Amino acid sequence: MDFLIFSVFAIPLWCSSFALYFILRRAGLMRESLIAKCAGSFLSVFSAGAGFYAAYGKLPLAHPGFWFFVLCTGADALLEISFVPGMLLFGAAHGCLIVWLWGLAPAGWGSLILWLTAYAATAWLFRKELPKLGKLLIPFCLYPALLGGSLALGLALPFTAGADYWPLALGTLCFFVSDMMVAKSELSGLDAKWQKPIMLLYWAALYLISSALWQL
């Protein structure tokens, strides 16, 4: 099986989970909607595991990229229960992603410039919220550093490790944009209409990043 064949089966399931999540939320069934959300994210765990198994004939239990998807799925549940612990678990997930991406191609000056640009963009975007964060300031500053790190390494990969990594690069960009929107919504209250684009970008990110484990 290759990633395209897997996608034929996975994309309809992702679309079904997406629709079910918002239908259940609209009906006020929050616990059930959380199950639908985690089920959609778990498809990336399955994608990563299947891709690694197809390449090596074994489970990726020691592969940091696989644990990125596992931790993201767990953080999906935790984030809606308690935002800060959920954000910290997402931070751990990005730590795993950074280890994996660094192993594919170590960071160079280009990645450093991208990281500084992403971090500066985050500071500008939340320039009004930062002075009001109080004790949340430190975790809020640490998380974008990790998120920007995975973005910088991911965007550089097509140039340092080959054009096959363009889907992964686009996935890290989708993740960055989605998380910035989540944070803006949490701190400043975005209109509810943005919830669907946020989820779409997030699952697109997981889907695209998982594609890289099919080409090891």
Protein backbone atom coordinates (compact mmCIF):
# COMPACT_ATOMS: atom_id res chain seq x y z
CA MET A 1 0.00 0.00 0.00
CA ASP A 2 1.23 3.53 -0.74
CA PHE A 3 0.06 6.89 0.55
CA LEU A 4 -2.26 7.57 -2.40
CA ILE A 5 -4.09 4.27 -1.90
CA PHE A 6 -4.31 4.94 1.83
CA SER A 7 -5.74 8.39 1.09
CA VAL A 8 -8.61 6.90 -0.93
CA PHE A 9 -9.85 5.30 2.27
CA ALA A 10 -8.64 7.88 4.81
CA ILE A 11 -9.94 11.14 3.31
CA PRO A 12 -13.64 10.10 3.41
CA LEU A 13 -13.16 9.07 7.05
CA TRP A 14 -11.52 12.42 7.84
CA CYS A 15 -14.39 14.25 6.13
CA SER A 16 -16.94 12.19 8.07
CA SER A 17 -15.19 12.91 11.38
CA PHE A 18 -15.04 16.61 10.50
CA ALA A 19 -18.78 16.77 9.78
CA LEU A 20 -19.69 14.66 12.81
CA TYR A 21 -17.60 16.82 15.14
CA PHE A 22 -19.44 20.00 14.22
CA ILE A 23 -22.86 18.35 14.09
CA LEU A 24 -22.40 17.04 17.63
CA ARG A 25 -21.10 20.40 18.87
CA ARG A 26 -24.08 22.17 17.38
CA ALA A 27 -26.34 19.68 19.18
CA GLY A 28 -24.59 20.43 22.48
CA LEU A 29 -23.11 16.93 22.75
CA MET A 30 -19.63 18.09 23.73
CA ARG A 31 -18.30 14.77 25.06
CA GLU A 32 -19.41 12.95 21.94
CA SER A 33 -17.93 15.68 19.73
CA LEU A 34 -14.60 15.26 21.49
CA ILE A 35 -14.62 11.57 20.60
CA ALA A 36 -15.23 12.49 16.95
CA LYS A 37 -12.39 15.02 17.08
CA CYS A 38 -9.91 12.53 18.53
CA ALA A 39 -11.03 9.87 16.05
CA GLY A 40 -10.18 12.22 13.19
CA SER A 41 -6.77 12.99 14.67
CA PHE A 42 -6.12 9.29 15.32
CA LEU A 43 -6.27 8.69 11.57
CA SER A 44 -2.89 10.46 11.39
CA VAL A 45 -1.52 8.01 13.98
CA PHE A 46 -2.73 5.16 11.79
CA SER A 47 -1.28 6.82 8.68
CA ALA A 48 2.12 7.28 10.34
CA GLY A 49 2.15 3.71 11.65
CA ALA A 50 1.03 2.21 8.35
CA GLY A 51 3.56 4.24 6.38
CA PHE A 52 6.45 3.24 8.63
CA TYR A 53 5.36 -0.41 8.59
CA ALA A 54 5.13 -0.36 4.79
CA ALA A 55 8.71 0.95 4.63
CA TYR A 56 10.35 -1.19 7.32
CA GLY A 57 7.98 -4.00 8.20
CA LYS A 58 7.79 -3.03 11.87
CA LEU A 59 5.93 -0.68 14.18
CA PRO A 60 7.42 2.83 14.66
CA LEU A 61 7.40 2.77 18.46
CA ALA A 62 10.89 4.30 18.63
CA HIS A 63 10.28 6.89 15.93
CA PRO A 64 9.79 10.48 17.21
CA GLY A 65 7.58 11.37 14.24
CA PHE A 66 5.09 8.67 15.20
CA TRP A 67 4.88 10.01 18.75
CA PHE A 68 4.21 13.48 17.39
CA PHE A 69 0.88 12.20 16.05
CA VAL A 70 0.10 10.23 19.22
CA LEU A 71 0.70 13.27 21.43
CA CYS A 72 -1.33 15.53 19.13
CA THR A 73 -4.28 13.17 19.44
CA GLY A 74 -3.98 13.17 23.23
CA ALA A 75 -3.61 16.96 23.29
CA ASP A 76 -6.80 17.30 21.24
CA ALA A 77 -8.74 15.80 24.12
CA LEU A 78 -6.86 17.63 26.86
CA LEU A 79 -7.04 21.04 25.17
CA GLU A 80 -10.83 21.19 25.44
CA ILE A 81 -10.72 20.08 29.08
CA SER A 82 -7.91 22.41 30.19
CA PHE A 83 -6.25 24.76 27.71
CA VAL A 84 -2.77 25.22 29.24
CA PRO A 85 -2.02 21.49 29.89
CA GLY A 86 -3.29 20.78 26.38
CA MET A 87 -0.94 23.42 24.99
CA LEU A 88 1.97 21.89 26.92
CA LEU A 89 1.19 18.45 25.49
CA PHE A 90 1.14 19.96 22.01
CA GLY A 91 4.52 21.48 22.89
CA ALA A 92 5.85 18.00 23.69
CA ALA A 93 4.45 16.81 20.35
CA HIS A 94 6.36 19.54 18.53
CA GLY A 95 9.49 18.56 20.42
CA CYS A 96 9.14 15.08 18.89
CA LEU A 97 8.50 16.61 15.46
CA ILE A 98 11.61 18.79 15.74
CA VAL A 99 13.76 15.75 16.61
CA TRP A 100 12.41 13.92 13.56
CA LEU A 101 12.81 16.85 11.16
CA TRP A 102 16.30 17.63 12.43
CA GLY A 103 17.24 14.02 11.69
CA LEU A 104 16.06 14.42 8.11
CA ALA A 105 18.19 17.53 7.56
CA PRO A 106 19.92 19.57 10.31
CA ALA A 107 19.02 23.23 10.60
CA GLY A 108 21.01 25.81 8.65
CA TRP A 109 20.97 29.58 8.44
CA GLY A 110 17.79 29.46 6.39
CA SER A 111 15.95 27.60 9.15
CA LEU A 112 17.22 30.04 11.76
CA ILE A 113 15.95 33.02 9.75
CA LEU A 114 12.58 31.30 9.27
CA TRP A 115 12.36 30.58 13.01
CA LEU A 116 13.16 34.18 13.94
CA THR A 117 10.61 35.43 11.40
CA ALA A 118 7.89 33.12 12.75
CA TYR A 119 8.63 34.11 16.35
CA ALA A 120 8.59 37.80 15.50
CA ALA A 121 5.30 37.36 13.63
CA THR A 122 3.81 35.67 16.71
CA ALA A 123 4.96 38.49 18.97
CA TRP A 124 3.40 41.06 16.62
CA LEU A 125 0.14 39.12 16.29
CA PHE A 126 -0.28 38.92 20.08
CA ARG A 127 1.22 42.29 20.95
CA LYS A 128 -2.02 43.35 22.68
CA GLU A 129 -2.54 40.09 24.56
CA LEU A 130 1.01 39.51 25.86
CA PRO A 131 0.94 42.20 28.60
CA LYS A 132 -2.26 40.68 30.00
CA LEU A 133 -1.11 37.05 30.25
CA GLY A 134 0.41 37.21 33.73
CA LYS A 135 1.63 33.76 34.86
CA LEU A 136 0.70 32.31 31.44
CA LEU A 137 3.34 34.44 29.73
CA ILE A 138 6.16 31.89 30.02
CA PRO A 139 4.29 28.87 28.57
CA PHE A 140 2.78 31.12 25.93
CA CYS A 141 6.26 32.28 24.88
CA LEU A 142 7.73 28.76 24.96
CA TYR A 143 5.09 27.14 22.79
CA PRO A 144 5.57 29.43 19.74
CA ALA A 145 9.30 28.77 20.00
CA LEU A 146 8.65 25.04 19.52
CA LEU A 147 5.93 25.60 16.93
CA GLY A 148 8.18 27.99 15.01
CA GLY A 149 11.01 25.46 15.22
CA SER A 150 8.99 22.73 13.52
CA LEU A 151 7.78 25.26 10.94
CA ALA A 152 11.31 26.47 10.17
CA LEU A 153 12.71 22.95 9.81
CA GLY A 154 9.72 21.78 7.79
CA LEU A 155 9.73 24.67 5.32
CA ALA A 156 13.44 24.19 4.70
CA LEU A 157 13.21 20.45 3.96
CA PRO A 158 12.22 20.65 0.26
CA PHE A 159 15.43 22.62 -0.32
CA THR A 160 17.72 20.57 1.92
CA ALA A 161 16.32 17.02 1.64
CA GLY A 162 14.40 16.95 -1.65
CA ALA A 163 11.18 18.04 -3.33
CA ASP A 164 9.32 14.99 -1.99
CA TYR A 165 9.03 16.88 1.30
CA TRP A 166 6.80 19.66 -0.05
CA PRO A 167 3.64 18.06 1.48
CA LEU A 168 5.35 17.93 4.87
CA ALA A 169 6.48 21.56 4.51
CA LEU A 170 2.94 22.66 3.68
CA GLY A 171 1.71 20.62 6.65
CA THR A 172 3.95 22.47 9.10
CA LEU A 173 2.69 25.78 7.69
CA CYS A 174 -0.95 24.66 8.09
CA PHE A 175 -0.21 23.65 11.69
CA PHE A 176 1.37 27.01 12.48
CA VAL A 177 -1.54 29.01 11.04
CA SER A 178 -4.12 26.79 12.74
CA ASP A 179 -2.45 27.10 16.15
CA MET A 180 -2.13 30.87 15.82
CA MET A 181 -5.86 31.00 15.15
CA VAL A 182 -6.58 28.74 18.14
CA ALA A 183 -4.52 30.98 20.43
CA LYS A 184 -6.15 34.12 19.06
CA SER A 185 -9.56 32.58 19.62
CA GLU A 186 -8.70 31.59 23.19
CA LEU A 187 -7.22 34.96 24.14
CA SER A 188 -9.31 37.37 22.11
CA GLY A 189 -12.42 35.44 21.12
CA LEU A 190 -12.57 34.90 17.37
CA ASP A 191 -16.00 34.55 15.78
CA ALA A 192 -17.34 30.98 15.88
CA LYS A 193 -17.25 30.85 12.06
CA TRP A 194 -13.46 30.40 12.28
CA GLN A 195 -13.73 27.04 14.07
CA LYS A 196 -14.20 25.09 10.85
CA PRO A 197 -11.19 26.62 9.04
CA ILE A 198 -9.10 26.03 12.17
CA MET A 199 -10.03 22.34 12.28
CA LEU A 200 -9.62 21.97 8.52
CA LEU A 201 -6.10 23.42 8.64
CA TYR A 202 -5.18 21.27 11.65
CA TRP A 203 -6.27 17.97 10.12
CA ALA A 204 -4.74 18.95 6.79
CA ALA A 205 -1.49 19.50 8.68
CA LEU A 206 -1.59 16.06 10.30
CA TYR A 207 -2.49 14.43 6.98
CA LEU A 208 0.28 16.17 5.04
CA ILE A 209 2.98 15.67 7.69
CA SER A 210 2.13 11.97 7.99
CA SER A 211 2.79 11.56 4.26
CA ALA A 212 6.53 11.83 4.94
CA LEU A 213 6.52 8.55 6.87
CA TRP A 214 5.35 6.79 3.70
CA GLN A 215 8.51 7.76 1.80
CA LEU A 216 11.25 6.81 4.24
